[in-house]
Amino acid sequence: MTLPGTLDEAVAALAATPAAVPVAGGTDLMASVNSGQLRPAALVGLGRIGEIRGWEYLDGNALLGAGLTLARLGRPDFAALIPALAASARAAGPAQIRNAGTLGGNLVSAAPTGDTLPVLAALEATALIAGPGGSRREVPASHLLAGMEMLHAGELVGYVRVPLLHAPQTFLKATGRTGPGRALASAAVVLDPARRHVRCAIGAVAPMPLRPLEAEQWVSSLIDWDGQRTLPPEALAAFGDYVAMACIPDPQPATEGGEPPPPLPPVALHLRRTVAALARRGLGRALA
């Protein structure tokens, strides 16, 4: 294993050995290795790169190093700045996972059940990518998660830029057991008073977080942004249903005028109800 001391050294190591795989906490990588899905020819360890293990304020944003552990992100200072991201980090699993897993690892591995991912999507975070020759580029995190943009050979995510909205935001998830576990569904809800907008992202129900844009626009139009910013229970319930229908839609007929499609199976209906409850409660808590 190569152990570079700077981000540019890590990029150079990856460029020199194209088959090498970068590893930070290794929580997802080692699972793939142990299951036989991945046999890396070489590893580039990122654990000694101090510059990506911290964070700083930058022009109204938090510039988070990709090497920040989930345990660090869950601490009270982060909870005061980016509450939803801190909540998702605390929910990411048992202590050994949170102590090893990193923000950049979550973003690059893009596991559908990654708890931080819907929060990054709802916050409209961006990834700062380091490349060969000292090159740098910035892309929306949601583009990486959706495969609209990919890391090129020799590139690494060095930082994640997160807007500091100084407004309520929530993260909730449903699991199949008591205590930390993989999400069956998760929801991040963010209020953006400056833009008079609600943003929501649903995780774990699709290969990437889903943004129900029409539901966001609809509920944003109902909120008195200059007043108490409250909604009646009926509006919260309608928002939850709107989000759930957008993320888990009814089947469409195979051909126009053909036989009606079969109903959703019970497991999908249960998941839809779960998403509706998470979105409703998340928005309700953000407006409380």
C-alpha atoms as a PDB file:
ATOM      1  CA  MET A   1       0.000   0.000   0.000  1.00  0.00           C
ATOM      2  CA  THR A   2       1.204   3.492  -0.896  1.00  0.00           C
ATOM      3  CA  LEU A   3       0.745   6.083   1.882  1.00  0.00           C
ATOM      4  CA  PRO A   4       1.021   9.610   0.439  1.00  0.00           C
ATOM      5  CA  GLY A   5       1.175  12.645   2.722  1.00  0.00           C
ATOM      6  CA  THR A   6      -0.621  15.187   0.520  1.00  0.00           C
ATOM      7  CA  LEU A   7      -3.581  15.225  -1.824  1.00  0.00           C
ATOM      8  CA  ASP A   8      -1.378  15.862  -4.857  1.00  0.00           C
ATOM      9  CA  GLU A   9       0.902  12.975  -3.888  1.00  0.00           C
ATOM     10  CA  ALA A  10      -2.149  10.702  -3.701  1.00  0.00           C
ATOM     11  CA  VAL A  11      -3.271  11.849  -7.149  1.00  0.00           C
ATOM     12  CA  ALA A  12       0.214  11.187  -8.513  1.00  0.00           C
ATOM     13  CA  ALA A  13       0.205   7.693  -6.984  1.00  0.00           C
ATOM     14  CA  LEU A  14      -3.121   6.911  -8.632  1.00  0.00           C
ATOM     15  CA  ALA A  15      -1.914   8.271 -11.968  1.00  0.00           C
ATOM     16  CA  ALA A  16       1.231   6.132 -11.750  1.00  0.00           C
ATOM     17  CA  THR A  17      -0.768   2.979 -11.041  1.00  0.00           C
ATOM     18  CA  PRO A  18      -4.116   3.253 -12.880  1.00  0.00           C
ATOM     19  CA  ALA A  19      -5.374  -0.009 -11.368  1.00  0.00           C
ATOM     20  CA  ALA A  20      -4.818   1.256  -7.797  1.00  0.00           C
ATOM     21  CA  VAL A  21      -7.805   1.927  -5.558  1.00  0.00           C
ATOM     22  CA  PRO A  22      -7.849   4.755  -2.983  1.00  0.00           C
ATOM     23  CA  VAL A  23      -8.850   3.781   0.543  1.00  0.00           C
ATOM     24  CA  ALA A  24      -9.660   5.927   3.563  1.00  0.00           C
ATOM     25  CA  GLY A  25     -11.841   4.237   6.190  1.00  0.00           C
ATOM     26  CA  GLY A  26     -12.315   1.168   4.003  1.00  0.00           C
ATOM     27  CA  THR A  27     -15.776   0.331   5.328  1.00  0.00           C
ATOM     28  CA  ASP A  28     -17.280  -0.187   1.866  1.00  0.00           C
ATOM     29  CA  LEU A  29     -14.056  -1.252   0.156  1.00  0.00           C
ATOM     30  CA  MET A  30     -13.289  -4.067   2.567  1.00  0.00           C
ATOM     31  CA  ALA A  31     -16.850  -5.336   2.373  1.00  0.00           C
ATOM     32  CA  SER A  32     -16.415  -5.638  -1.411  1.00  0.00           C
ATOM     33  CA  VAL A  33     -13.028  -7.328  -0.995  1.00  0.00           C
ATOM     34  CA  ASN A  34     -14.318  -9.777   1.598  1.00  0.00           C
ATOM     35  CA  SER A  35     -17.285 -10.704  -0.587  1.00  0.00           C
ATOM     36  CA  GLY A  36     -15.028 -11.340  -3.581  1.00  0.00           C
ATOM     37  CA  GLN A  37     -16.530  -8.526  -5.662  1.00  0.00           C
ATOM     38  CA  LEU A  38     -13.276  -6.555  -5.792  1.00  0.00           C
ATOM     39  CA  ARG A  39      -9.617  -7.544  -6.009  1.00  0.00           C
ATOM     40  CA  PRO A  40      -7.616  -4.286  -6.156  1.00  0.00           C
ATOM     41  CA  ALA A  41      -4.186  -4.561  -7.754  1.00  0.00           C
ATOM     42  CA  ALA A  42      -2.832  -1.893  -5.387  1.00  0.00           C
ATOM     43  CA  LEU A  43      -4.087   0.468  -2.679  1.00  0.00           C
ATOM     44  CA  VAL A  44      -3.403   4.150  -2.087  1.00  0.00           C
ATOM     45  CA  GLY A  45      -4.056   4.930   1.578  1.00  0.00           C
ATOM     46  CA  LEU A  46      -5.450   8.383   2.334  1.00  0.00           C
ATOM     47  CA  GLY A  47      -5.198   8.225   6.113  1.00  0.00           C
ATOM     48  CA  ARG A  48      -2.022  10.334   6.379  1.00  0.00           C
ATOM     49  CA  ILE A  49      -3.323  13.276   4.342  1.00  0.00           C
ATOM     50  CA  GLY A  50      -3.962  15.826   7.074  1.00  0.00           C
ATOM     51  CA  GLU A  51      -5.347  18.499   4.750  1.00  0.00           C
ATOM     52  CA  ILE A  52      -8.508  16.484   4.019  1.00  0.00           C
ATOM     53  CA  ARG A  53      -9.227  15.594   7.634  1.00  0.00           C
ATOM     54  CA  GLY A  54     -10.256  19.099   8.713  1.00  0.00           C
ATOM     55  CA  TRP A  55     -12.716  21.779   7.669  1.00  0.00           C
ATOM     56  CA  GLU A  56     -12.987  25.564   7.373  1.00  0.00           C
ATOM     57  CA  TYR A  57     -15.406  28.392   6.691  1.00  0.00           C
ATOM     58  CA  LEU A  58     -15.254  29.702   3.141  1.00  0.00           C
ATOM     59  CA  ASP A  59     -17.554  32.359   1.684  1.00  0.00           C
ATOM     60  CA  GLY A  60     -20.671  31.291   3.574  1.00  0.00           C
ATOM     61  CA  ASN A  61     -19.933  27.603   3.106  1.00  0.00           C
ATOM     62  CA  ALA A  62     -18.346  24.863   5.147  1.00  0.00           C
ATOM     63  CA  LEU A  63     -15.464  23.325   3.216  1.00  0.00           C
ATOM     64  CA  LEU A  64     -15.328  19.793   4.591  1.00  0.00           C
ATOM     65  CA  GLY A  65     -12.330  17.570   4.020  1.00  0.00           C
ATOM     66  CA  ALA A  66     -13.243  14.287   2.362  1.00  0.00           C
ATOM     67  CA  GLY A  67     -11.293  12.468   5.074  1.00  0.00           C
ATOM     68  CA  LEU A  68     -13.511  13.683   7.909  1.00  0.00           C
ATOM     69  CA  THR A  69     -14.893  10.679   9.730  1.00  0.00           C
ATOM     70  CA  LEU A  70     -18.586  10.228  10.357  1.00  0.00           C
ATOM     71  CA  ALA A  71     -17.836  10.252  14.082  1.00  0.00           C
ATOM     72  CA  ARG A  72     -16.292  13.715  13.731  1.00  0.00           C
ATOM     73  CA  LEU A  73     -19.214  14.970  11.651  1.00  0.00           C
ATOM     74  CA  GLY A  74     -21.632  13.850  14.344  1.00  0.00           C
ATOM     75  CA  ARG A  75     -20.133  16.025  17.083  1.00  0.00           C
ATOM     76  CA  PRO A  76     -22.014  19.002  18.585  1.00  0.00           C
ATOM     77  CA  ASP A  77     -20.057  21.696  16.735  1.00  0.00           C
ATOM     78  CA  PHE A  78     -21.169  20.240  13.406  1.00  0.00           C
ATOM     79  CA  ALA A  79     -24.691  19.707  14.722  1.00  0.00           C
ATOM     80  CA  ALA A  80     -24.894  23.455  15.382  1.00  0.00           C
ATOM     81  CA  LEU A  81     -23.760  24.314  11.835  1.00  0.00           C
ATOM     82  CA  ILE A  82     -25.191  21.543   9.645  1.00  0.00           C
ATOM     83  CA  PRO A  83     -27.761  19.698  11.787  1.00  0.00           C
ATOM     84  CA  ALA A  84     -28.991  17.278   9.136  1.00  0.00           C
ATOM     85  CA  LEU A  85     -25.503  16.186   8.142  1.00  0.00           C
ATOM     86  CA  ALA A  86     -24.549  15.635  11.783  1.00  0.00           C
ATOM     87  CA  ALA A  87     -27.731  13.618  12.369  1.00  0.00           C
ATOM     88  CA  SER A  88     -27.072  11.443   9.324  1.00  0.00           C
ATOM     89  CA  ALA A  89     -23.483  10.824  10.449  1.00  0.00           C
ATOM     90  CA  ARG A  90     -24.661   9.750  13.907  1.00  0.00           C
ATOM     91  CA  ALA A  91     -27.174   7.380  12.324  1.00  0.00           C
ATOM     92  CA  ALA A  92     -24.635   5.750  10.010  1.00  0.00           C
ATOM     93  CA  GLY A  93     -24.077   2.631  12.073  1.00  0.00           C
ATOM     94  CA  PRO A  94     -22.232   1.405  15.147  1.00  0.00           C
ATOM     95  CA  ALA A  95     -19.236   3.244  16.553  1.00  0.00           C
ATOM     96  CA  GLN A  96     -16.650   1.190  14.672  1.00  0.00           C
ATOM     97  CA  ILE A  97     -18.248   2.156  11.356  1.00  0.00           C
ATOM     98  CA  ARG A  98     -18.538   5.842  12.263  1.00  0.00           C
ATOM     99  CA  ASN A  99     -14.964   5.984  13.529  1.00  0.00           C
ATOM    100  CA  ALA A 100     -13.615   4.587  10.247  1.00  0.00           C
ATOM    101  CA  GLY A 101     -16.068   5.724   7.569  1.00  0.00           C
ATOM    102  CA  THR A 102     -15.453   9.094   5.897  1.00  0.00           C
ATOM    103  CA  LEU A 103     -17.548  11.703   4.156  1.00  0.00           C
ATOM    104  CA  GLY A 104     -15.617  11.295   0.904  1.00  0.00           C
ATOM    105  CA  GLY A 105     -15.907   7.540   1.078  1.00  0.00           C
ATOM    106  CA  ASN A 106     -19.676   7.808   1.468  1.00  0.00           C
ATOM    107  CA  LEU A 107     -19.884  10.098  -1.547  1.00  0.00           C
ATOM    108  CA  VAL A 108     -17.594   8.123  -3.857  1.00  0.00           C
ATOM    109  CA  SER A 109     -18.899   4.651  -2.996  1.00  0.00           C
ATOM    110  CA  ALA A 110     -22.446   6.053  -3.433  1.00  0.00           C
ATOM    111  CA  ALA A 111     -24.142   3.108  -1.739  1.00  0.00           C
ATOM    112  CA  PRO A 112     -27.921   3.642  -2.038  1.00  0.00           C
ATOM    113  CA  THR A 113     -28.292   3.329   1.743  1.00  0.00           C
ATOM    114  CA  GLY A 114     -25.535   5.856   2.519  1.00  0.00           C
ATOM    115  CA  ASP A 115     -27.035   8.045   5.228  1.00  0.00           C
ATOM    116  CA  THR A 116     -25.160  11.255   4.386  1.00  0.00           C
ATOM    117  CA  LEU A 117     -26.099  11.155   0.705  1.00  0.00           C
ATOM    118  CA  PRO A 118     -29.693  12.492   0.811  1.00  0.00           C
ATOM    119  CA  VAL A 119     -28.475  15.280   3.084  1.00  0.00           C
ATOM    120  CA  LEU A 120     -25.759  16.271   0.605  1.00  0.00           C
ATOM    121  CA  ALA A 121     -28.362  16.195  -2.172  1.00  0.00           C
ATOM    122  CA  ALA A 122     -30.858  18.330  -0.234  1.00  0.00           C
ATOM    123  CA  LEU A 123     -28.155  20.823   0.757  1.00  0.00           C
ATOM    124  CA  GLU A 124     -27.007  20.976  -2.883  1.00  0.00           C
ATOM    125  CA  ALA A 125     -23.424  20.304  -1.825  1.00  0.00           C
ATOM    126  CA  THR A 126     -20.604  20.216  -4.338  1.00  0.00           C
ATOM    127  CA  ALA A 127     -17.500  18.043  -4.545  1.00  0.00           C
ATOM    128  CA  LEU A 128     -14.059  19.577  -5.115  1.00  0.00           C
ATOM    129  CA  ILE A 129     -12.045  17.114  -7.150  1.00  0.00           C
ATOM    130  CA  ALA A 130      -8.252  17.019  -7.354  1.00  0.00           C
ATOM    131  CA  GLY A 131      -6.651  15.725 -10.545  1.00  0.00           C
ATOM    132  CA  PRO A 132      -3.235  15.188 -12.117  1.00  0.00           C
ATOM    133  CA  GLY A 133      -0.946  18.163 -12.527  1.00  0.00           C
ATOM    134  CA  GLY A 134      -2.569  20.100  -9.695  1.00  0.00           C
ATOM    135  CA  SER A 135      -5.869  20.445 -11.553  1.00  0.00           C
ATOM    136  CA  ARG A 136      -9.053  21.140  -9.595  1.00  0.00           C
ATOM    137  CA  ARG A 137     -12.701  21.036 -10.625  1.00  0.00           C
ATOM    138  CA  GLU A 138     -16.000  21.312  -8.775  1.00  0.00           C
ATOM    139  CA  VAL A 139     -19.157  19.341  -9.552  1.00  0.00           C
ATOM    140  CA  PRO A 140     -22.515  18.990  -7.786  1.00  0.00           C
ATOM    141  CA  ALA A 141     -22.506  16.016  -5.442  1.00  0.00           C
ATOM    142  CA  SER A 142     -25.847  14.953  -6.913  1.00  0.00           C
ATOM    143  CA  HIS A 143     -24.209  14.631 -10.357  1.00  0.00           C
ATOM    144  CA  LEU A 144     -21.649  12.195  -8.968  1.00  0.00           C
ATOM    145  CA  LEU A 145     -24.357  10.203  -7.204  1.00  0.00           C
ATOM    146  CA  ALA A 146     -26.501  10.000 -10.333  1.00  0.00           C
ATOM    147  CA  GLY A 147     -23.585   9.111 -12.610  1.00  0.00           C
ATOM    148  CA  MET A 148     -24.065  12.300 -14.632  1.00  0.00           C
ATOM    149  CA  GLU A 149     -20.402  13.090 -13.987  1.00  0.00           C
ATOM    150  CA  MET A 150     -17.706  10.599 -13.064  1.00  0.00           C
ATOM    151  CA  LEU A 151     -14.281  10.727 -11.498  1.00  0.00           C
ATOM    152  CA  HIS A 152     -11.627  10.539 -14.202  1.00  0.00           C
ATOM    153  CA  ALA A 153      -8.497   8.432 -13.967  1.00  0.00           C
ATOM    154  CA  GLY A 154      -6.194   9.711 -11.231  1.00  0.00           C
ATOM    155  CA  GLU A 155      -8.824  11.965  -9.635  1.00  0.00           C
ATOM    156  CA  LEU A 156      -9.847  12.130  -5.980  1.00  0.00           C
ATOM    157  CA  VAL A 157     -12.578  13.961  -4.092  1.00  0.00           C
ATOM    158  CA  GLY A 158     -10.616  16.251  -1.803  1.00  0.00           C
ATOM    159  CA  TYR A 159     -13.348  18.366  -0.231  1.00  0.00           C
ATOM    160  CA  VAL A 160     -17.108  18.768  -0.054  1.00  0.00           C
ATOM    161  CA  ARG A 161     -18.507  22.297  -0.079  1.00  0.00           C
ATOM    162  CA  VAL A 162     -21.744  22.604   1.924  1.00  0.00           C
ATOM    163  CA  PRO A 163     -23.783  25.856   2.039  1.00  0.00           C
ATOM    164  CA  LEU A 164     -24.385  27.130   5.577  1.00  0.00           C
ATOM    165  CA  LEU A 165     -28.074  28.025   5.512  1.00  0.00           C
ATOM    166  CA  HIS A 166     -28.456  28.861   9.228  1.00  0.00           C
ATOM    167  CA  ALA A 167     -31.993  27.480   9.075  1.00  0.00           C
ATOM    168  CA  PRO A 168     -33.766  24.357  10.343  1.00  0.00           C
ATOM    169  CA  GLN A 169     -32.995  21.053   8.650  1.00  0.00           C
ATOM    170  CA  THR A 170     -33.743  17.459   9.553  1.00  0.00           C
ATOM    171  CA  PHE A 171     -32.684  13.921   8.757  1.00  0.00           C
ATOM    172  CA  LEU A 172     -34.806  10.874   9.541  1.00  0.00           C
ATOM    173  CA  LYS A 173     -34.482   7.246   8.547  1.00  0.00           C
ATOM    174  CA  ALA A 174     -36.389   4.009   8.944  1.00  0.00           C
ATOM    175  CA  THR A 175     -34.572   0.739   9.540  1.00  0.00           C
ATOM    176  CA  GLY A 176     -35.662  -2.849   9.831  1.00  0.00           C
ATOM    177  CA  ARG A 177     -34.513  -3.134  13.439  1.00  0.00           C
ATOM    178  CA  THR A 178     -34.025  -1.191  16.656  1.00  0.00           C
ATOM    179  CA  GLY A 179     -30.805   0.800  16.859  1.00  0.00           C
ATOM    180  CA  PRO A 180     -28.298   1.596  14.097  1.00  0.00           C
ATOM    181  CA  GLY A 181     -28.870  -0.266  10.856  1.00  0.00           C
ATOM    182  CA  ARG A 182     -29.137   0.075   7.116  1.00  0.00           C
ATOM    183  CA  ALA A 183     -31.886   2.405   6.017  1.00  0.00           C
ATOM    184  CA  LEU A 184     -35.031   1.071   4.400  1.00  0.00           C
ATOM    185  CA  ALA A 185     -35.744   4.707   3.553  1.00  0.00           C
ATOM    186  CA  SER A 186     -34.406   8.049   4.694  1.00  0.00           C
ATOM    187  CA  ALA A 187     -35.396  11.678   4.261  1.00  0.00           C
ATOM    188  CA  ALA A 188     -33.525  14.961   4.498  1.00  0.00           C
ATOM    189  CA  VAL A 189     -35.556  18.165   4.660  1.00  0.00           C
ATOM    190  CA  VAL A 190     -33.871  21.577   4.471  1.00  0.00           C
ATOM    191  CA  LEU A 191     -35.402  25.037   4.778  1.00  0.00           C
ATOM    192  CA  ASP A 192     -33.790  27.759   2.684  1.00  0.00           C
ATOM    193  CA  PRO A 193     -35.410  31.029   3.817  1.00  0.00           C
ATOM    194  CA  ALA A 194     -33.191  33.189   1.617  1.00  0.00           C
ATOM    195  CA  ARG A 195     -34.580  31.473  -1.478  1.00  0.00           C
ATOM    196  CA  ARG A 196     -37.984  30.831   0.169  1.00  0.00           C
ATOM    197  CA  HIS A 197     -37.712  27.183  -0.646  1.00  0.00           C
ATOM    198  CA  VAL A 198     -38.004  23.755   0.939  1.00  0.00           C
ATOM    199  CA  ARG A 199     -35.605  21.101  -0.313  1.00  0.00           C
ATOM    200  CA  CYS A 200     -36.121  17.414   0.263  1.00  0.00           C
ATOM    201  CA  ALA A 201     -34.183  14.306  -0.726  1.00  0.00           C
ATOM    202  CA  ILE A 202     -35.184  10.690  -0.194  1.00  0.00           C
ATOM    203  CA  GLY A 203     -32.534   8.019   0.240  1.00  0.00           C
ATOM    204  CA  ALA A 204     -32.328   4.222   0.050  1.00  0.00           C
ATOM    205  CA  VAL A 205     -35.367   3.707  -2.208  1.00  0.00           C
ATOM    206  CA  ALA A 206     -33.434   4.103  -5.484  1.00  0.00           C
ATOM    207  CA  PRO A 207     -29.816   3.848  -6.651  1.00  0.00           C
ATOM    208  CA  MET A 208     -29.328   7.552  -5.840  1.00  0.00           C
ATOM    209  CA  PRO A 209     -31.134  10.102  -3.630  1.00  0.00           C
ATOM    210  CA  LEU A 210     -34.341  11.395  -5.185  1.00  0.00           C
ATOM    211  CA  ARG A 211     -35.421  15.044  -5.174  1.00  0.00           C
ATOM    212  CA  PRO A 212     -39.239  15.423  -5.479  1.00  0.00           C
ATOM    213  CA  LEU A 213     -38.983  18.848  -7.104  1.00  0.00           C
ATOM    214  CA  GLU A 214     -42.691  19.412  -7.729  1.00  0.00           C
ATOM    215  CA  ALA A 215     -43.523  18.561  -4.110  1.00  0.00           C
ATOM    216  CA  GLU A 216     -40.820  20.977  -2.968  1.00  0.00           C
ATOM    217  CA  GLN A 217     -42.222  23.801  -5.104  1.00  0.00           C
ATOM    218  CA  TRP A 218     -45.783  23.111  -3.994  1.00  0.00           C
ATOM    219  CA  VAL A 219     -45.114  23.135  -0.267  1.00  0.00           C
ATOM    220  CA  SER A 220     -42.754  26.113  -0.549  1.00  0.00           C
ATOM    221  CA  SER A 221     -45.627  28.149  -1.986  1.00  0.00           C
ATOM    222  CA  LEU A 222     -47.767  27.394   1.079  1.00  0.00           C
ATOM    223  CA  ILE A 223     -45.309  28.650   3.679  1.00  0.00           C
ATOM    224  CA  ASP A 224     -45.474  32.206   5.019  1.00  0.00           C
ATOM    225  CA  TRP A 225     -41.733  32.856   4.899  1.00  0.00           C
ATOM    226  CA  ASP A 226     -42.131  36.271   6.552  1.00  0.00           C
ATOM    227  CA  GLY A 227     -44.331  34.934   9.348  1.00  0.00           C
ATOM    228  CA  GLN A 228     -44.315  31.908  11.648  1.00  0.00           C
ATOM    229  CA  ARG A 229     -43.545  29.381   8.898  1.00  0.00           C
ATOM    230  CA  THR A 230     -46.123  26.860  10.071  1.00  0.00           C
ATOM    231  CA  LEU A 231     -48.367  24.493   8.150  1.00  0.00           C
ATOM    232  CA  PRO A 232     -51.532  22.672   9.238  1.00  0.00           C
ATOM    233  CA  PRO A 233     -51.356  18.884   9.687  1.00  0.00           C
ATOM    234  CA  GLU A 234     -53.333  18.384   6.487  1.00  0.00           C
ATOM    235  CA  ALA A 235     -50.708  20.204   4.427  1.00  0.00           C
ATOM    236  CA  LEU A 236     -47.878  18.239   6.054  1.00  0.00           C
ATOM    237  CA  ALA A 237     -49.683  14.979   5.294  1.00  0.00           C
ATOM    238  CA  ALA A 238     -50.295  16.045   1.693  1.00  0.00           C
ATOM    239  CA  PHE A 239     -46.604  16.898   1.313  1.00  0.00           C
ATOM    240  CA  GLY A 240     -45.638  13.453   2.593  1.00  0.00           C
ATOM    241  CA  ASP A 241     -47.992  11.773   0.148  1.00  0.00           C
ATOM    242  CA  TYR A 242     -46.776  13.986  -2.712  1.00  0.00           C
ATOM    243  CA  VAL A 243     -43.148  13.057  -1.983  1.00  0.00           C
ATOM    244  CA  ALA A 244     -43.935   9.354  -1.654  1.00  0.00           C
ATOM    245  CA  MET A 245     -45.891   9.225  -4.913  1.00  0.00           C
ATOM    246  CA  ALA A 246     -43.060  11.013  -6.714  1.00  0.00           C
ATOM    247  CA  CYS A 247     -40.457   8.572  -5.404  1.00  0.00           C
ATOM    248  CA  ILE A 248     -42.512   5.384  -5.643  1.00  0.00           C
ATOM    249  CA  PRO A 249     -45.014   6.015  -8.456  1.00  0.00           C
ATOM    250  CA  ASP A 250     -47.817   3.753  -9.554  1.00  0.00           C
ATOM    251  CA  PRO A 251     -46.972   1.405 -12.447  1.00  0.00           C
ATOM    252  CA  GLN A 252     -47.805   2.731 -15.894  1.00  0.00           C
ATOM    253  CA  PRO A 253     -49.677   0.681 -18.515  1.00  0.00           C
ATOM    254  CA  ALA A 254     -47.388  -1.034 -21.004  1.00  0.00           C
ATOM    255  CA  THR A 255     -49.248   0.494 -23.980  1.00  0.00           C
ATOM    256  CA  GLU A 256     -51.763   3.267 -24.353  1.00  0.00           C
ATOM    257  CA  GLY A 257     -55.261   1.873 -24.021  1.00  0.00           C
ATOM    258  CA  GLY A 258     -53.926  -1.505 -22.922  1.00  0.00           C
ATOM    259  CA  GLU A 259     -54.647  -3.520 -19.826  1.00  0.00           C
ATOM    260  CA  PRO A 260     -54.381  -1.611 -16.552  1.00  0.00           C
ATOM    261  CA  PRO A 261     -51.065  -2.234 -14.791  1.00  0.00           C
ATOM    262  CA  PRO A 262     -50.993  -4.470 -11.745  1.00  0.00           C
ATOM    263  CA  PRO A 263     -51.137  -2.734  -8.365  1.00  0.00           C
ATOM    264  CA  LEU A 264     -48.002  -2.084  -6.408  1.00  0.00           C
ATOM    265  CA  PRO A 265     -46.923  -5.110  -4.359  1.00  0.00           C
ATOM    266  CA  PRO A 266     -47.416  -4.868  -0.583  1.00  0.00           C
ATOM    267  CA  VAL A 267     -43.707  -4.277   0.057  1.00  0.00           C
ATOM    268  CA  ALA A 268     -43.724  -1.248  -2.264  1.00  0.00           C
ATOM    269  CA  LEU A 269     -46.897   0.114  -0.661  1.00  0.00           C
ATOM    270  CA  HIS A 270     -45.301  -0.232   2.753  1.00  0.00           C
ATOM    271  CA  LEU A 271     -42.198   1.583   1.520  1.00  0.00           C
ATOM    272  CA  ARG A 272     -44.351   4.354   0.068  1.00  0.00           C
ATOM    273  CA  ARG A 273     -46.119   4.801   3.416  1.00  0.00           C
ATOM    274  CA  THR A 274     -42.724   4.879   5.136  1.00  0.00           C
ATOM    275  CA  VAL A 275     -41.430   7.592   2.795  1.00  0.00           C
ATOM    276  CA  ALA A 276     -44.604   9.626   3.302  1.00  0.00           C
ATOM    277  CA  ALA A 277     -44.219   9.436   7.079  1.00  0.00           C
ATOM    278  CA  LEU A 278     -40.544  10.411   6.981  1.00  0.00           C
ATOM    279  CA  ALA A 279     -41.160  13.391   4.690  1.00  0.00           C
ATOM    280  CA  ARG A 280     -44.146  14.563   6.747  1.00  0.00           C
ATOM    281  CA  ARG A 281     -42.328  14.305  10.049  1.00  0.00           C
ATOM    282  CA  GLY A 282     -39.133  15.802   8.673  1.00  0.00           C
ATOM    283  CA  LEU A 283     -40.900  18.895   7.382  1.00  0.00           C
ATOM    284  CA  GLY A 284     -43.001  19.158  10.528  1.00  0.00           C
ATOM    285  CA  ARG A 285     -39.902  19.161  12.726  1.00  0.00           C
ATOM    286  CA  ALA A 286     -38.132  21.674  10.496  1.00  0.00           C
ATOM    287  CA  LEU A 287     -41.111  24.050  10.765  1.00  0.00           C
ATOM    288  CA  ALA A 288     -41.662  23.521  14.494  1.00  0.00           C
END
